[in-house]
C-alpha atoms as a PDB file:
ATOM      1  CA  UNK A   1       0.000   0.000   0.000  1.00  0.00           C
ATOM      2  CA  UNK A   2       1.480   3.314  -1.091  1.00  0.00           C
ATOM      3  CA  UNK A   3       0.632   5.144   2.135  1.00  0.00           C
ATOM      4  CA  UNK A   4       2.400   2.563   4.295  1.00  0.00           C
ATOM      5  CA  UNK A   5       5.525   2.816   2.171  1.00  0.00           C
ATOM      6  CA  UNK A   6       5.482   6.606   2.279  1.00  0.00           C
ATOM      7  CA  UNK A   7       5.042   6.605   6.060  1.00  0.00           C
ATOM      8  CA  UNK A   8       7.917   4.174   6.445  1.00  0.00           C
ATOM      9  CA  UNK A   9      10.160   6.265   4.176  1.00  0.00           C
ATOM     10  CA  UNK A  10       9.298   9.404   6.164  1.00  0.00           C
ATOM     11  CA  UNK A  11       9.787   7.506   9.438  1.00  0.00           C
ATOM     12  CA  UNK A  12       6.363   8.504  10.730  1.00  0.00           C
ATOM     13  CA  UNK A  13       3.771   6.189  12.272  1.00  0.00           C
ATOM     14  CA  UNK A  14       0.622   5.279  10.420  1.00  0.00           C
ATOM     15  CA  UNK A  15      -1.330   3.388  13.089  1.00  0.00           C
ATOM     16  CA  UNK A  16      -4.386   2.788  10.911  1.00  0.00           C
ATOM     17  CA  UNK A  17      -2.322   1.449   8.024  1.00  0.00           C
ATOM     18  CA  UNK A  18      -2.501  -2.264   8.844  1.00  0.00           C
ATOM     19  CA  UNK A  19      -6.261  -2.048   9.435  1.00  0.00           C
ATOM     20  CA  UNK A  20      -6.831  -0.277   6.123  1.00  0.00           C
ATOM     21  CA  UNK A  21      -4.644  -2.805   4.317  1.00  0.00           C
ATOM     22  CA  UNK A  22      -6.752  -5.649   5.700  1.00  0.00           C
ATOM     23  CA  UNK A  23     -10.019  -3.949   4.658  1.00  0.00           C
ATOM     24  CA  UNK A  24      -8.686  -3.277   1.146  1.00  0.00           C
ATOM     25  CA  UNK A  25      -7.479  -6.873   0.821  1.00  0.00           C
ATOM     26  CA  UNK A  26     -10.881  -8.163   1.964  1.00  0.00           C
ATOM     27  CA  UNK A  27     -12.629  -5.869  -0.516  1.00  0.00           C
ATOM     28  CA  UNK A  28     -10.448  -7.131  -3.378  1.00  0.00           C
ATOM     29  CA  UNK A  29     -11.078 -10.741  -2.316  1.00  0.00           C
ATOM     30  CA  UNK A  30     -14.848 -10.315  -1.924  1.00  0.00           C
ATOM     31  CA  UNK A  31     -15.584  -7.869  -4.747  1.00  0.00           C
ATOM     32  CA  UNK A  32     -12.631  -7.954  -7.097  1.00  0.00           C
ATOM     33  CA  UNK A  33      -9.746  -5.717  -8.029  1.00  0.00           C
ATOM     34  CA  UNK A  34     -12.000  -3.259  -9.878  1.00  0.00           C
ATOM     35  CA  UNK A  35     -13.390  -1.599  -6.766  1.00  0.00           C
ATOM     36  CA  UNK A  36     -14.017   1.832  -5.340  1.00  0.00           C
ATOM     37  CA  UNK A  37     -14.622   3.308  -1.886  1.00  0.00           C
ATOM     38  CA  UNK A  38     -18.175   1.952  -1.876  1.00  0.00           C
ATOM     39  CA  UNK A  39     -16.746  -1.576  -1.741  1.00  0.00           C
ATOM     40  CA  UNK A  40     -14.540  -0.645   1.196  1.00  0.00           C
ATOM     41  CA  UNK A  41     -17.589   0.769   2.959  1.00  0.00           C
ATOM     42  CA  UNK A  42     -19.523  -2.427   2.191  1.00  0.00           C
ATOM     43  CA  UNK A  43     -16.818  -4.612   3.744  1.00  0.00           C
ATOM     44  CA  UNK A  44     -16.854  -2.376   6.828  1.00  0.00           C
ATOM     45  CA  UNK A  45     -20.673  -2.530   7.003  1.00  0.00           C
ATOM     46  CA  UNK A  46     -20.648  -6.320   6.757  1.00  0.00           C
ATOM     47  CA  UNK A  47     -18.102  -6.620   9.534  1.00  0.00           C
ATOM     48  CA  UNK A  48     -20.025  -4.248  11.783  1.00  0.00           C
ATOM     49  CA  UNK A  49     -23.226  -6.229  11.188  1.00  0.00           C
ATOM     50  CA  UNK A  50     -21.478  -9.551  11.795  1.00  0.00           C
ATOM     51  CA  UNK A  51     -22.595 -10.618   8.311  1.00  0.00           C
ATOM     52  CA  UNK A  52     -21.664 -14.248   7.755  1.00  0.00           C
ATOM     53  CA  UNK A  53     -22.433 -14.008   4.024  1.00  0.00           C
ATOM     54  CA  UNK A  54     -19.507 -11.695   3.297  1.00  0.00           C
ATOM     55  CA  UNK A  55     -18.434 -13.515   0.144  1.00  0.00           C
ATOM     56  CA  UNK A  56     -21.234 -12.112  -1.997  1.00  0.00           C
ATOM     57  CA  UNK A  57     -20.854  -8.974  -4.054  1.00  0.00           C
ATOM     58  CA  UNK A  58     -22.554  -5.882  -2.647  1.00  0.00           C
ATOM     59  CA  UNK A  59     -25.624  -4.514  -4.301  1.00  0.00           C
END
């Protein structure tokens, strides 16, 4: 993830970086590589709802 690399190069912490990476990876896995912020929000919504059917595409 570009932001994590930039933070590392600048020697500054990015505490939310690992969490965001995991959400993006889940979105790519569940929705596909052609995604936008709506897919990231959908993954977050599913997790908050405890949705067990998280493998289906949103919509």
